[in-house]
């Protein structure tokens, strides 16, 4: 199978429909451009270990799309550790009204992200070479985003702490993971907050939801963990 072939495009469109997500032919072709550039740049810099066109469609693009159900149209979105652009770029293509910021600590990966953004002529999206901890010190980005998302998540607790400075009230963190167990979410059931440094802390419950699904054309099990900022 060749990326951008009718079979590849149909697989994207039909696979997305299993999530009740509509992908237009134009959007599928934009995914194909992203995928083509991903593999072309991957010959020089390490963007992905997944290079088979069939696997690229499933494990990069279709894997990114279910998160759209948790992001309102027109929302502000921050993708931490975007790497090859996942899930931020497919979500921006699927939801053009998003205002998206993609960040990564690798300058070469950010150069790739900027190249794809220019190639696809996407608007209201930026790619920044910066760590989340450093961006959180910039007042322009604090309390700015409705959703903070990442696929590059090892610890949910660490990711949630990284995301909190960026979220508006009622915003959410969205983690895309494998088949997640309850032990990973149990530690997130209570957030300890205080009025200021040295102030007594109070326990406040947070809403944590886990959506599990199977990738189309695959036996791979995936999870989306959504944590609402109270």
N, C-alpha and C. Protein backbone atom coordinates (compact mmCIF):
# COMPACT_ATOMS: atom_id res chain seq x y z
N UNK A 1 0.84 -1.20 0.00
CA UNK A 1 0.00 0.00 0.00
C UNK A 1 0.88 1.25 0.00
N UNK A 2 0.48 2.24 -0.75
CA UNK A 2 1.23 3.49 -0.85
C UNK A 2 0.47 4.59 -0.11
N UNK A 3 1.21 5.38 0.66
CA UNK A 3 0.59 6.54 1.32
C UNK A 3 0.02 7.48 0.26
N UNK A 4 -1.21 7.88 0.45
CA UNK A 4 -1.87 8.77 -0.50
C UNK A 4 -2.64 8.05 -1.58
N UNK A 5 -2.49 6.72 -1.67
CA UNK A 5 -3.29 5.96 -2.62
C UNK A 5 -4.75 5.99 -2.19
N UNK A 6 -5.65 5.66 -3.12
CA UNK A 6 -7.07 5.66 -2.78
C UNK A 6 -7.36 4.67 -1.66
N UNK A 7 -6.65 3.54 -1.67
CA UNK A 7 -6.85 2.54 -0.61
C UNK A 7 -6.43 3.09 0.74
N UNK A 8 -5.33 3.83 0.77
CA UNK A 8 -4.85 4.42 2.02
C UNK A 8 -5.84 5.48 2.51
N UNK A 9 -6.30 6.33 1.60
CA UNK A 9 -7.26 7.37 1.97
C UNK A 9 -8.56 6.77 2.48
N UNK A 10 -9.05 5.74 1.78
CA UNK A 10 -10.30 5.09 2.19
C UNK A 10 -10.16 4.45 3.57
N UNK A 11 -8.97 3.89 3.84
CA UNK A 11 -8.75 3.27 5.14
C UNK A 11 -8.84 4.31 6.26
N UNK A 12 -8.30 5.49 6.02
CA UNK A 12 -8.39 6.57 7.00
C UNK A 12 -9.85 6.97 7.22
N UNK A 13 -10.56 7.22 6.13
CA UNK A 13 -11.95 7.70 6.20
C UNK A 13 -12.85 6.66 6.87
N UNK A 14 -12.74 5.41 6.44
CA UNK A 14 -13.59 4.35 6.99
C UNK A 14 -13.18 4.01 8.43
N UNK A 15 -11.89 4.06 8.72
CA UNK A 15 -11.45 3.80 10.09
C UNK A 15 -11.96 4.85 11.05
N UNK A 16 -11.95 6.11 10.63
CA UNK A 16 -12.46 7.19 11.48
C UNK A 16 -13.95 7.03 11.74
N UNK A 17 -14.68 6.49 10.78
CA UNK A 17 -16.13 6.30 10.95
C UNK A 17 -16.43 5.30 12.06
N UNK A 18 -15.50 4.39 12.36
CA UNK A 18 -15.73 3.47 13.48
C UNK A 18 -15.76 4.21 14.81
N UNK A 19 -15.19 5.42 14.83
CA UNK A 19 -15.25 6.29 16.03
C UNK A 19 -16.38 7.32 15.91
N UNK A 20 -17.22 7.19 14.88
CA UNK A 20 -18.24 8.20 14.59
C UNK A 20 -17.62 9.56 14.32
N UNK A 21 -16.48 9.56 13.66
CA UNK A 21 -15.78 10.78 13.28
C UNK A 21 -15.73 10.86 11.76
N UNK A 22 -16.16 11.98 11.21
CA UNK A 22 -16.17 12.17 9.77
C UNK A 22 -14.88 12.85 9.32
N UNK A 23 -14.16 12.19 8.45
CA UNK A 23 -12.97 12.75 7.82
C UNK A 23 -13.27 12.95 6.34
N UNK A 24 -13.11 14.18 5.85
CA UNK A 24 -13.38 14.45 4.44
C UNK A 24 -12.23 13.93 3.58
N UNK A 25 -12.48 13.85 2.27
CA UNK A 25 -11.41 13.44 1.36
C UNK A 25 -10.26 14.45 1.40
N UNK A 26 -10.59 15.72 1.52
CA UNK A 26 -9.54 16.74 1.60
C UNK A 26 -8.69 16.54 2.85
N UNK A 27 -9.33 16.28 3.97
CA UNK A 27 -8.58 16.06 5.21
C UNK A 27 -7.73 14.80 5.11
N UNK A 28 -8.26 13.74 4.52
CA UNK A 28 -7.48 12.52 4.35
C UNK A 28 -6.25 12.78 3.48
N UNK A 29 -6.41 13.62 2.45
CA UNK A 29 -5.25 13.95 1.60
C UNK A 29 -4.23 14.79 2.39
N UNK A 30 -4.71 15.64 3.28
CA UNK A 30 -3.78 16.40 4.14
C UNK A 30 -3.02 15.45 5.07
N UNK A 31 -3.72 14.45 5.61
CA UNK A 31 -3.02 13.44 6.40
C UNK A 31 -1.94 12.76 5.57
N UNK A 32 -2.25 12.49 4.31
CA UNK A 32 -1.29 11.82 3.43
C UNK A 32 -0.05 12.68 3.21
N UNK A 33 -0.23 13.98 3.06
CA UNK A 33 0.92 14.88 2.92
C UNK A 33 1.77 14.83 4.19
N UNK A 34 1.12 14.92 5.34
CA UNK A 34 1.83 14.83 6.62
C UNK A 34 2.61 13.52 6.70
N UNK A 35 1.95 12.41 6.36
CA UNK A 35 2.59 11.10 6.44
C UNK A 35 3.77 10.98 5.48
N UNK A 36 3.60 11.49 4.27
CA UNK A 36 4.68 11.44 3.28
C UNK A 36 5.90 12.21 3.76
N UNK A 37 5.67 13.41 4.29
CA UNK A 37 6.78 14.21 4.80
C UNK A 37 7.40 13.58 6.04
N UNK A 38 6.58 12.94 6.87
CA UNK A 38 7.09 12.25 8.06
C UNK A 38 8.12 11.20 7.68
N UNK A 39 7.79 10.37 6.70
CA UNK A 39 8.70 9.30 6.30
C UNK A 39 9.90 9.85 5.52
N UNK A 40 9.70 10.92 4.77
CA UNK A 40 10.82 11.51 4.05
C UNK A 40 11.83 12.11 5.02
N UNK A 41 11.36 12.87 5.99
CA UNK A 41 12.26 13.45 6.99
C UNK A 41 12.84 12.38 7.92
N UNK A 42 12.13 11.29 8.09
CA UNK A 42 12.57 10.24 9.00
C UNK A 42 13.87 9.57 8.53
N UNK A 43 14.20 9.73 7.25
CA UNK A 43 15.45 9.17 6.74
C UNK A 43 16.66 9.92 7.31
N UNK A 44 16.43 11.16 7.75
CA UNK A 44 17.53 11.99 8.26
C UNK A 44 17.46 12.20 9.76
N UNK A 45 16.25 12.33 10.30
CA UNK A 45 16.12 12.53 11.74
C UNK A 45 15.12 11.50 12.28
N UNK A 46 15.27 11.17 13.54
CA UNK A 46 14.45 10.12 14.14
C UNK A 46 13.10 10.70 14.57
N UNK A 47 12.10 10.50 13.71
CA UNK A 47 10.75 10.97 14.02
C UNK A 47 9.83 9.85 14.44
N UNK A 48 10.01 8.67 13.87
CA UNK A 48 9.11 7.55 14.17
C UNK A 48 9.78 6.22 13.85
N UNK A 49 9.42 5.21 14.64
CA UNK A 49 9.86 3.85 14.34
C UNK A 49 8.84 3.13 13.47
N UNK A 50 7.69 3.77 13.25
CA UNK A 50 6.62 3.18 12.45
C UNK A 50 6.74 3.74 11.03
N UNK A 51 7.06 2.87 10.08
CA UNK A 51 7.29 3.34 8.70
C UNK A 51 6.43 2.62 7.66
N UNK A 52 5.77 1.54 8.02
CA UNK A 52 4.89 0.85 7.08
C UNK A 52 3.64 1.71 6.87
N UNK A 53 3.26 1.99 5.62
CA UNK A 53 2.11 2.88 5.37
C UNK A 53 0.83 2.45 6.08
N UNK A 54 0.56 1.15 6.13
CA UNK A 54 -0.62 0.63 6.82
C UNK A 54 -0.55 0.98 8.31
N UNK A 55 0.63 0.74 8.93
CA UNK A 55 0.79 1.02 10.35
C UNK A 55 0.77 2.53 10.63
N UNK A 56 1.33 3.32 9.72
CA UNK A 56 1.31 4.78 9.89
C UNK A 56 -0.13 5.28 9.95
N UNK A 57 -0.97 4.77 9.06
CA UNK A 57 -2.37 5.19 9.04
C UNK A 57 -3.07 4.87 10.35
N UNK A 58 -2.83 3.66 10.86
CA UNK A 58 -3.54 3.20 12.06
C UNK A 58 -2.95 3.79 13.33
N UNK A 59 -1.63 3.62 13.50
CA UNK A 59 -1.01 3.90 14.80
C UNK A 59 -0.60 5.35 14.99
N UNK A 60 -0.64 6.15 13.92
CA UNK A 60 -0.38 7.57 14.07
C UNK A 60 -1.67 8.38 13.87
N UNK A 61 -2.31 8.22 12.72
CA UNK A 61 -3.44 9.09 12.39
C UNK A 61 -4.74 8.64 13.04
N UNK A 62 -5.14 7.41 12.84
CA UNK A 62 -6.40 6.95 13.46
C UNK A 62 -6.29 6.94 14.98
N UNK A 63 -5.12 6.69 15.50
CA UNK A 63 -4.91 6.70 16.95
C UNK A 63 -5.11 8.10 17.54
N UNK A 64 -4.85 9.13 16.73
CA UNK A 64 -4.96 10.51 17.23
C UNK A 64 -6.39 11.03 17.26
N UNK A 65 -7.24 10.52 16.38
CA UNK A 65 -8.53 11.16 16.14
C UNK A 65 -9.56 11.05 17.27
N UNK A 66 -9.65 9.92 18.02
CA UNK A 66 -10.70 9.85 19.05
C UNK A 66 -10.63 10.96 20.10
N UNK A 67 -9.47 11.55 20.30
CA UNK A 67 -9.36 12.64 21.28
C UNK A 67 -10.23 13.83 20.89
N UNK A 68 -10.59 13.94 19.61
CA UNK A 68 -11.40 15.08 19.15
C UNK A 68 -12.74 15.15 19.88
N UNK A 69 -13.24 14.02 20.32
CA UNK A 69 -14.55 14.00 21.00
C UNK A 69 -14.51 14.69 22.35
N UNK A 70 -13.30 14.97 22.85
CA UNK A 70 -13.16 15.61 24.16
C UNK A 70 -12.71 17.06 24.05
N UNK A 71 -12.64 17.59 22.82
CA UNK A 71 -12.15 18.95 22.60
C UNK A 71 -13.22 19.75 21.87
N UNK A 72 -13.70 20.85 22.45
CA UNK A 72 -14.73 21.65 21.79
C UNK A 72 -14.19 22.33 20.53
N UNK A 73 -15.06 22.56 19.56
CA UNK A 73 -14.70 23.34 18.39
C UNK A 73 -14.24 24.73 18.83
N UNK A 74 -13.20 25.23 18.19
CA UNK A 74 -12.70 26.56 18.51
C UNK A 74 -11.87 26.65 19.76
N UNK A 75 -11.55 25.51 20.37
CA UNK A 75 -10.79 25.50 21.61
C UNK A 75 -9.33 25.84 21.37
N UNK A 76 -8.65 26.22 22.45
CA UNK A 76 -7.20 26.38 22.44
C UNK A 76 -6.59 25.06 22.89
N UNK A 77 -5.60 24.56 22.13
CA UNK A 77 -5.02 23.24 22.38
C UNK A 77 -3.51 23.33 22.46
N UNK A 78 -2.93 22.71 23.49
CA UNK A 78 -1.48 22.59 23.63
C UNK A 78 -1.11 21.11 23.55
N UNK A 79 -0.20 20.78 22.63
CA UNK A 79 0.29 19.41 22.47
C UNK A 79 1.72 19.38 23.01
N UNK A 80 1.92 18.68 24.12
CA UNK A 80 3.23 18.60 24.76
C UNK A 80 3.98 17.37 24.24
N UNK A 81 5.22 17.59 23.77
CA UNK A 81 6.00 16.49 23.22
C UNK A 81 5.43 16.01 21.90
N UNK A 82 5.15 16.93 21.00
CA UNK A 82 4.43 16.60 19.78
C UNK A 82 5.22 15.69 18.84
N UNK A 83 6.55 15.76 18.87
CA UNK A 83 7.37 14.85 18.06
C UNK A 83 7.10 15.00 16.58
N UNK A 84 6.56 13.94 15.97
CA UNK A 84 6.22 13.97 14.56
C UNK A 84 4.89 14.64 14.27
N UNK A 85 4.28 15.25 15.30
CA UNK A 85 3.04 15.99 15.11
C UNK A 85 1.81 15.31 15.64
N UNK A 86 1.98 14.29 16.47
CA UNK A 86 0.84 13.51 16.94
C UNK A 86 0.63 13.72 18.43
N UNK A 87 -0.61 13.98 18.82
CA UNK A 87 -1.82 14.02 18.00
C UNK A 87 -2.20 15.40 17.46
N UNK A 88 -1.37 16.42 17.74
CA UNK A 88 -1.78 17.79 17.48
C UNK A 88 -2.10 18.11 16.03
N UNK A 89 -1.24 17.69 15.10
CA UNK A 89 -1.48 18.03 13.70
C UNK A 89 -2.73 17.36 13.13
N UNK A 90 -2.94 16.04 13.31
CA UNK A 90 -4.19 15.45 12.82
C UNK A 90 -5.43 16.09 13.43
N UNK A 91 -5.36 16.47 14.72
CA UNK A 91 -6.51 17.12 15.36
C UNK A 91 -6.77 18.50 14.75
N UNK A 92 -5.71 19.24 14.46
CA UNK A 92 -5.86 20.55 13.83
C UNK A 92 -6.46 20.42 12.43
N UNK A 93 -6.01 19.40 11.67
CA UNK A 93 -6.56 19.17 10.34
C UNK A 93 -8.03 18.78 10.43
N UNK A 94 -8.36 17.93 11.39
CA UNK A 94 -9.74 17.49 11.58
C UNK A 94 -10.64 18.62 12.06
N UNK A 95 -10.09 19.50 12.91
CA UNK A 95 -10.85 20.59 13.54
C UNK A 95 -10.15 21.91 13.23
N UNK A 96 -10.36 22.46 12.04
CA UNK A 96 -9.62 23.67 11.64
C UNK A 96 -9.81 24.86 12.57
N UNK A 97 -10.90 24.88 13.33
CA UNK A 97 -11.16 26.03 14.21
C UNK A 97 -10.29 26.03 15.46
N UNK A 98 -9.57 24.94 15.71
CA UNK A 98 -8.68 24.89 16.88
C UNK A 98 -7.58 25.94 16.76
N UNK A 99 -7.20 26.51 17.89
CA UNK A 99 -5.99 27.31 17.99
C UNK A 99 -4.95 26.43 18.68
N UNK A 100 -3.95 25.97 17.93
CA UNK A 100 -3.07 24.91 18.42
C UNK A 100 -1.63 25.39 18.60
N UNK A 101 -1.03 24.94 19.70
CA UNK A 101 0.39 25.14 19.95
C UNK A 101 1.02 23.77 20.16
N UNK A 102 2.05 23.46 19.37
CA UNK A 102 2.76 22.20 19.48
C UNK A 102 4.16 22.50 20.02
N UNK A 103 4.58 21.77 21.05
CA UNK A 103 5.92 22.01 21.59
C UNK A 103 6.70 20.70 21.66
N UNK A 104 8.01 20.83 21.52
CA UNK A 104 8.90 19.69 21.65
C UNK A 104 10.27 20.20 22.05
N UNK A 105 11.02 19.37 22.78
CA UNK A 105 12.35 19.76 23.23
C UNK A 105 13.42 19.52 22.17
N UNK A 106 13.06 18.86 21.05
CA UNK A 106 14.00 18.60 19.97
C UNK A 106 13.85 19.67 18.88
N UNK A 107 14.92 20.40 18.61
CA UNK A 107 14.88 21.44 17.59
C UNK A 107 14.58 20.85 16.21
N UNK A 108 15.15 19.68 15.91
CA UNK A 108 14.94 19.06 14.60
C UNK A 108 13.48 18.66 14.41
N UNK A 109 12.86 18.15 15.46
CA UNK A 109 11.45 17.78 15.35
C UNK A 109 10.57 19.01 15.17
N UNK A 110 10.90 20.10 15.84
CA UNK A 110 10.13 21.33 15.68
C UNK A 110 10.31 21.88 14.27
N UNK A 111 11.51 21.75 13.70
CA UNK A 111 11.72 22.16 12.31
C UNK A 111 10.81 21.37 11.38
N UNK A 112 10.66 20.07 11.66
CA UNK A 112 9.75 19.25 10.86
C UNK A 112 8.31 19.73 11.02
N UNK A 113 7.89 20.00 12.24
CA UNK A 113 6.52 20.46 12.47
C UNK A 113 6.24 21.76 11.72
N UNK A 114 7.19 22.69 11.77
CA UNK A 114 7.01 23.96 11.05
C UNK A 114 6.93 23.73 9.55
N UNK A 115 7.72 22.78 9.05
CA UNK A 115 7.69 22.46 7.62
C UNK A 115 6.31 21.95 7.20
N UNK A 116 5.73 21.05 7.99
CA UNK A 116 4.42 20.50 7.65
C UNK A 116 3.35 21.59 7.74
N UNK A 117 3.44 22.43 8.75
CA UNK A 117 2.47 23.53 8.89
C UNK A 117 2.52 24.43 7.67
N UNK A 118 3.73 24.76 7.21
CA UNK A 118 3.86 25.60 6.01
C UNK A 118 3.35 24.87 4.77
N UNK A 119 3.72 23.60 4.64
CA UNK A 119 3.34 22.83 3.45
C UNK A 119 1.83 22.73 3.32
N UNK A 120 1.15 22.52 4.44
CA UNK A 120 -0.31 22.38 4.43
C UNK A 120 -1.02 23.73 4.53
N UNK A 121 -0.24 24.80 4.68
CA UNK A 121 -0.80 26.15 4.79
C UNK A 121 -1.84 26.24 5.90
N UNK A 122 -1.51 25.64 7.04
CA UNK A 122 -2.40 25.68 8.19
C UNK A 122 -2.28 27.03 8.89
N UNK A 123 -3.40 27.51 9.39
CA UNK A 123 -3.43 28.79 10.08
C UNK A 123 -3.80 28.59 11.54
N UNK A 124 -3.43 29.58 12.35
CA UNK A 124 -3.75 29.56 13.78
C UNK A 124 -3.14 28.34 14.47
N UNK A 125 -1.88 28.06 14.13
CA UNK A 125 -1.14 26.96 14.73
C UNK A 125 0.33 27.35 14.76
N UNK A 126 1.02 26.97 15.83
CA UNK A 126 2.45 27.27 15.95
C UNK A 126 3.18 26.07 16.53
N UNK A 127 4.48 25.97 16.23
CA UNK A 127 5.33 24.93 16.78
C UNK A 127 6.51 25.61 17.46
N UNK A 128 6.77 25.26 18.72
CA UNK A 128 7.79 25.92 19.51
C UNK A 128 8.82 24.91 20.01
N UNK A 129 10.10 25.32 19.94
CA UNK A 129 11.18 24.50 20.49
C UNK A 129 11.39 24.92 21.94
N UNK A 130 10.75 24.19 22.84
CA UNK A 130 10.80 24.55 24.25
C UNK A 130 10.28 23.39 25.09
N UNK A 131 10.75 23.32 26.32
CA UNK A 131 10.22 22.34 27.27
C UNK A 131 8.99 22.92 27.96
N UNK A 132 8.08 22.05 28.35
CA UNK A 132 6.86 22.51 29.00
C UNK A 132 7.16 23.29 30.27
N UNK A 133 8.16 22.85 31.04
CA UNK A 133 8.50 23.54 32.28
C UNK A 133 8.93 24.98 32.02
N UNK A 134 9.62 25.20 30.91
CA UNK A 134 10.07 26.56 30.58
C UNK A 134 8.94 27.40 30.01
N UNK A 135 8.10 26.80 29.18
CA UNK A 135 6.97 27.54 28.61
C UNK A 135 6.01 27.99 29.71
N UNK A 136 5.93 27.21 30.77
CA UNK A 136 5.02 27.55 31.87
C UNK A 136 5.43 28.83 32.58
N UNK A 137 6.66 29.29 32.37
CA UNK A 137 7.12 30.54 32.98
C UNK A 137 6.72 31.76 32.16
N UNK A 138 6.22 31.53 30.95
CA UNK A 138 5.82 32.63 30.07
C UNK A 138 4.37 33.01 30.36
N UNK A 139 4.12 34.22 30.82
CA UNK A 139 2.73 34.61 31.16
C UNK A 139 1.78 34.57 29.98
N UNK A 140 2.30 34.62 28.75
CA UNK A 140 1.43 34.55 27.57
C UNK A 140 0.78 33.18 27.41
N UNK A 141 1.39 32.17 28.03
CA UNK A 141 0.89 30.80 27.84
C UNK A 141 0.25 30.22 29.10
N UNK A 142 0.38 30.89 30.21
CA UNK A 142 -0.24 30.40 31.44
C UNK A 142 -1.75 30.64 31.38
N UNK A 143 -2.51 29.67 31.85
CA UNK A 143 -3.98 29.78 31.90
C UNK A 143 -4.55 30.20 30.55
N UNK A 144 -4.06 29.57 29.48
CA UNK A 144 -4.46 29.96 28.13
C UNK A 144 -5.25 28.87 27.40
N UNK A 145 -5.10 27.61 27.80
CA UNK A 145 -5.58 26.52 26.97
C UNK A 145 -6.79 25.80 27.57
N UNK A 146 -7.72 25.46 26.69
CA UNK A 146 -8.88 24.66 27.07
C UNK A 146 -8.49 23.19 27.23
N UNK A 147 -7.52 22.73 26.43
CA UNK A 147 -7.10 21.33 26.50
C UNK A 147 -5.59 21.24 26.32
N UNK A 148 -4.97 20.41 27.15
CA UNK A 148 -3.55 20.08 27.02
C UNK A 148 -3.46 18.58 26.77
N UNK A 149 -2.80 18.20 25.70
CA UNK A 149 -2.81 16.80 25.27
C UNK A 149 -1.40 16.29 25.06
N UNK A 150 -1.22 14.98 25.17
CA UNK A 150 0.08 14.38 24.88
C UNK A 150 -0.07 12.89 24.64
N UNK A 151 0.73 12.39 23.68
CA UNK A 151 0.92 10.95 23.52
C UNK A 151 2.22 10.52 24.16
N UNK A 152 3.11 11.48 24.43
CA UNK A 152 4.42 11.16 24.99
C UNK A 152 4.34 11.15 26.52
N UNK A 153 3.49 10.30 27.05
CA UNK A 153 3.21 10.29 28.49
C UNK A 153 3.74 9.00 29.11
N UNK A 154 4.61 9.14 30.10
CA UNK A 154 5.03 7.97 30.87
C UNK A 154 4.26 7.89 32.17
N UNK A 155 4.13 9.02 32.85
CA UNK A 155 3.41 9.09 34.12
C UNK A 155 2.26 10.08 34.01
N UNK A 156 1.05 9.63 34.30
CA UNK A 156 -0.11 10.52 34.27
C UNK A 156 0.03 11.65 35.29
N UNK A 157 0.54 11.33 36.46
CA UNK A 157 0.67 12.34 37.50
C UNK A 157 1.63 13.45 37.08
N UNK A 158 2.76 13.06 36.49
CA UNK A 158 3.73 14.06 36.03
C UNK A 158 3.14 14.90 34.91
N UNK A 159 2.47 14.26 33.96
CA UNK A 159 1.85 14.99 32.86
C UNK A 159 0.81 15.98 33.37
N UNK A 160 -0.01 15.54 34.32
CA UNK A 160 -1.04 16.42 34.85
C UNK A 160 -0.42 17.64 35.53
N UNK A 161 0.66 17.43 36.27
CA UNK A 161 1.34 18.56 36.92
C UNK A 161 1.93 19.52 35.88
N UNK A 162 2.48 18.97 34.81
CA UNK A 162 3.02 19.80 33.74
C UNK A 162 1.93 20.64 33.09
N UNK A 163 0.76 20.04 32.93
CA UNK A 163 -0.33 20.70 32.19
C UNK A 163 -1.03 21.77 33.00
N UNK A 164 -1.11 21.63 34.31
CA UNK A 164 -1.94 22.51 35.13
C UNK A 164 -1.68 24.01 34.93
N UNK A 165 -0.43 24.47 34.84
CA UNK A 165 -0.23 25.92 34.69
C UNK A 165 -0.82 26.49 33.40
N UNK A 166 -1.05 25.64 32.40
CA UNK A 166 -1.51 26.12 31.11
C UNK A 166 -3.03 26.17 30.99
N UNK A 167 -3.73 25.50 31.89
CA UNK A 167 -5.17 25.31 31.72
C UNK A 167 -6.00 26.47 32.24
N UNK A 168 -7.06 26.78 31.49
CA UNK A 168 -8.07 27.68 32.01
C UNK A 168 -8.97 26.89 32.96
N UNK A 169 -9.77 27.60 33.74
CA UNK A 169 -10.71 26.93 34.63
C UNK A 169 -11.67 26.07 33.82
N UNK A 170 -11.83 24.83 34.22
CA UNK A 170 -12.70 23.92 33.50
C UNK A 170 -12.03 23.27 32.30
N UNK A 171 -10.75 23.58 32.07
CA UNK A 171 -10.01 22.93 30.99
C UNK A 171 -9.65 21.51 31.37
N UNK A 172 -9.04 20.79 30.44
CA UNK A 172 -8.76 19.39 30.71
C UNK A 172 -7.40 18.97 30.15
N UNK A 173 -6.81 17.99 30.81
CA UNK A 173 -5.65 17.31 30.27
C UNK A 173 -6.12 16.01 29.64
N UNK A 174 -5.53 15.67 28.49
CA UNK A 174 -5.92 14.46 27.75
C UNK A 174 -4.66 13.67 27.47
N UNK A 175 -4.60 12.47 28.01
CA UNK A 175 -3.45 11.59 27.80
C UNK A 175 -3.86 10.43 26.92
N UNK A 176 -3.10 10.20 25.86
CA UNK A 176 -3.33 9.05 24.98
C UNK A 176 -2.32 7.97 25.33
N UNK A 177 -2.83 6.83 25.75
CA UNK A 177 -1.95 5.76 26.23
C UNK A 177 -2.40 4.41 25.66
N UNK A 178 -1.65 3.38 26.05
CA UNK A 178 -2.05 2.02 25.71
C UNK A 178 -3.20 1.58 26.59
N UNK A 179 -3.33 0.30 26.80
CA UNK A 179 -4.43 -0.24 27.61
C UNK A 179 -4.16 0.07 29.07
N UNK A 180 -4.70 1.20 29.53
CA UNK A 180 -4.37 1.75 30.84
C UNK A 180 -5.09 1.00 31.96
N UNK A 181 -4.38 0.74 33.06
CA UNK A 181 -4.97 0.09 34.22
C UNK A 181 -5.43 1.11 35.25
N UNK A 182 -6.26 0.66 36.20
CA UNK A 182 -6.80 1.57 37.22
C UNK A 182 -5.73 2.16 38.11
N UNK A 183 -4.61 1.44 38.28
CA UNK A 183 -3.58 1.93 39.19
C UNK A 183 -3.00 3.26 38.72
N UNK A 184 -3.04 3.50 37.41
CA UNK A 184 -2.50 4.76 36.89
C UNK A 184 -3.42 5.94 37.18
N UNK A 185 -4.71 5.69 37.28
CA UNK A 185 -5.66 6.78 37.51
C UNK A 185 -6.00 6.98 38.98
N UNK A 186 -5.77 5.98 39.81
CA UNK A 186 -6.12 6.10 41.22
C UNK A 186 -5.41 7.27 41.89
N UNK A 187 -4.13 7.50 41.52
CA UNK A 187 -3.35 8.56 42.15
C UNK A 187 -3.83 9.96 41.74
N UNK A 188 -4.69 10.02 40.74
CA UNK A 188 -5.17 11.32 40.26
C UNK A 188 -6.53 11.68 40.83
N UNK A 189 -7.09 10.86 41.68
CA UNK A 189 -8.45 11.10 42.15
C UNK A 189 -8.56 12.32 43.05
N UNK A 190 -7.45 12.74 43.66
CA UNK A 190 -7.48 13.91 44.54
C UNK A 190 -6.33 14.83 44.18
N UNK A 191 -6.62 16.10 44.02
CA UNK A 191 -5.60 17.11 43.82
C UNK A 191 -5.49 17.92 45.11
N UNK A 192 -4.28 18.06 45.62
CA UNK A 192 -4.09 18.84 46.82
C UNK A 192 -3.77 20.28 46.42
N UNK A 193 -4.59 21.20 46.88
CA UNK A 193 -4.43 22.60 46.51
C UNK A 193 -4.36 23.46 47.76
N UNK A 194 -3.69 24.59 47.64
CA UNK A 194 -3.60 25.50 48.77
C UNK A 194 -3.77 26.93 48.31
N UNK A 195 -4.00 27.82 49.25
CA UNK A 195 -4.22 29.22 48.90
C UNK A 195 -2.91 29.91 48.53
N UNK A 196 -1.80 29.36 48.92
CA UNK A 196 -0.50 29.96 48.61
C UNK A 196 0.59 29.18 49.30
N UNK A 197 1.82 29.62 49.10
CA UNK A 197 2.94 28.91 49.69
C UNK A 197 2.83 28.93 51.21
N UNK A 198 2.94 27.77 51.81
CA UNK A 198 2.86 27.66 53.25
C UNK A 198 1.44 27.58 53.78
N UNK A 199 0.46 27.74 52.90
CA UNK A 199 -0.93 27.69 53.35
C UNK A 199 -1.37 26.25 53.52
N UNK A 200 -2.36 26.00 54.39
CA UNK A 200 -2.87 24.64 54.53
C UNK A 200 -3.42 24.14 53.21
N UNK A 201 -3.28 22.85 52.97
CA UNK A 201 -3.82 22.27 51.74
C UNK A 201 -5.18 21.67 52.02
N UNK A 202 -5.98 21.60 50.96
CA UNK A 202 -7.30 20.99 51.06
C UNK A 202 -7.43 19.97 49.95
N UNK A 203 -8.15 18.92 50.21
CA UNK A 203 -8.36 17.90 49.21
C UNK A 203 -9.60 18.23 48.39
N UNK A 204 -9.43 18.18 47.08
CA UNK A 204 -10.54 18.52 46.20
C UNK A 204 -10.62 17.44 45.12
N UNK A 205 -11.77 16.81 44.96
CA UNK A 205 -11.87 15.74 43.96
C UNK A 205 -11.80 16.31 42.55
N UNK A 206 -11.25 15.53 41.64
CA UNK A 206 -11.23 15.91 40.24
C UNK A 206 -11.92 14.81 39.44
N UNK A 207 -12.40 15.20 38.27
CA UNK A 207 -13.09 14.23 37.42
C UNK A 207 -12.08 13.58 36.49
N UNK A 208 -11.97 12.26 36.59
CA UNK A 208 -11.08 11.49 35.73
C UNK A 208 -11.92 10.46 34.98
N UNK A 209 -11.87 10.51 33.67
CA UNK A 209 -12.59 9.51 32.88
C UNK A 209 -11.59 8.77 31.99
N UNK A 210 -11.85 7.50 31.80
CA UNK A 210 -11.00 6.66 30.95
C UNK A 210 -11.88 6.05 29.86
N UNK A 211 -11.53 6.35 28.63
CA UNK A 211 -12.22 5.76 27.49
C UNK A 211 -11.28 4.76 26.82
N UNK A 212 -11.73 3.51 26.74
CA UNK A 212 -10.92 2.48 26.12
C UNK A 212 -11.50 2.12 24.76
N UNK A 213 -10.62 1.86 23.81
CA UNK A 213 -11.08 1.51 22.47
C UNK A 213 -10.05 0.64 21.77
N UNK A 214 -10.47 0.04 20.69
CA UNK A 214 -9.57 -0.77 19.87
C UNK A 214 -9.34 -0.06 18.55
N UNK A 215 -8.10 -0.01 18.13
CA UNK A 215 -7.79 0.64 16.86
C UNK A 215 -8.38 -0.15 15.70
N UNK A 216 -8.95 0.53 14.70
CA UNK A 216 -9.48 -0.17 13.53
C UNK A 216 -8.39 -0.99 12.83
N UNK A 217 -8.80 -2.09 12.23
CA UNK A 217 -7.90 -2.95 11.46
C UNK A 217 -6.77 -3.52 12.32
N UNK A 218 -6.96 -3.54 13.63
CA UNK A 218 -5.88 -3.91 14.54
C UNK A 218 -6.46 -4.49 15.82
N UNK A 219 -5.62 -5.23 16.54
CA UNK A 219 -6.03 -5.72 17.86
C UNK A 219 -5.47 -4.85 18.98
N UNK A 220 -4.84 -3.74 18.63
CA UNK A 220 -4.24 -2.87 19.62
C UNK A 220 -5.31 -2.17 20.45
N UNK A 221 -5.17 -2.24 21.76
CA UNK A 221 -6.08 -1.58 22.68
C UNK A 221 -5.47 -0.25 23.12
N UNK A 222 -6.30 0.77 23.17
CA UNK A 222 -5.83 2.10 23.53
C UNK A 222 -6.74 2.71 24.60
N UNK A 223 -6.22 3.74 25.27
CA UNK A 223 -6.98 4.45 26.30
C UNK A 223 -6.81 5.95 26.13
N UNK A 224 -7.87 6.68 26.40
CA UNK A 224 -7.81 8.13 26.51
C UNK A 224 -8.21 8.49 27.93
N UNK A 225 -7.30 9.15 28.66
CA UNK A 225 -7.59 9.57 30.03
C UNK A 225 -7.81 11.07 30.03
N UNK A 226 -8.98 11.49 30.46
CA UNK A 226 -9.35 12.91 30.48
C UNK A 226 -9.48 13.35 31.94
N UNK A 227 -8.74 14.41 32.30
CA UNK A 227 -8.74 14.93 33.66
C UNK A 227 -9.22 16.38 33.61
N UNK A 228 -10.33 16.68 34.26
CA UNK A 228 -10.90 18.02 34.24
C UNK A 228 -10.27 18.87 35.33
N UNK A 229 -9.81 20.05 34.96
CA UNK A 229 -9.25 20.98 35.93
C UNK A 229 -10.38 21.66 36.70
N UNK A 230 -10.47 21.41 38.01
CA UNK A 230 -11.60 21.96 38.78
C UNK A 230 -11.51 23.49 38.93
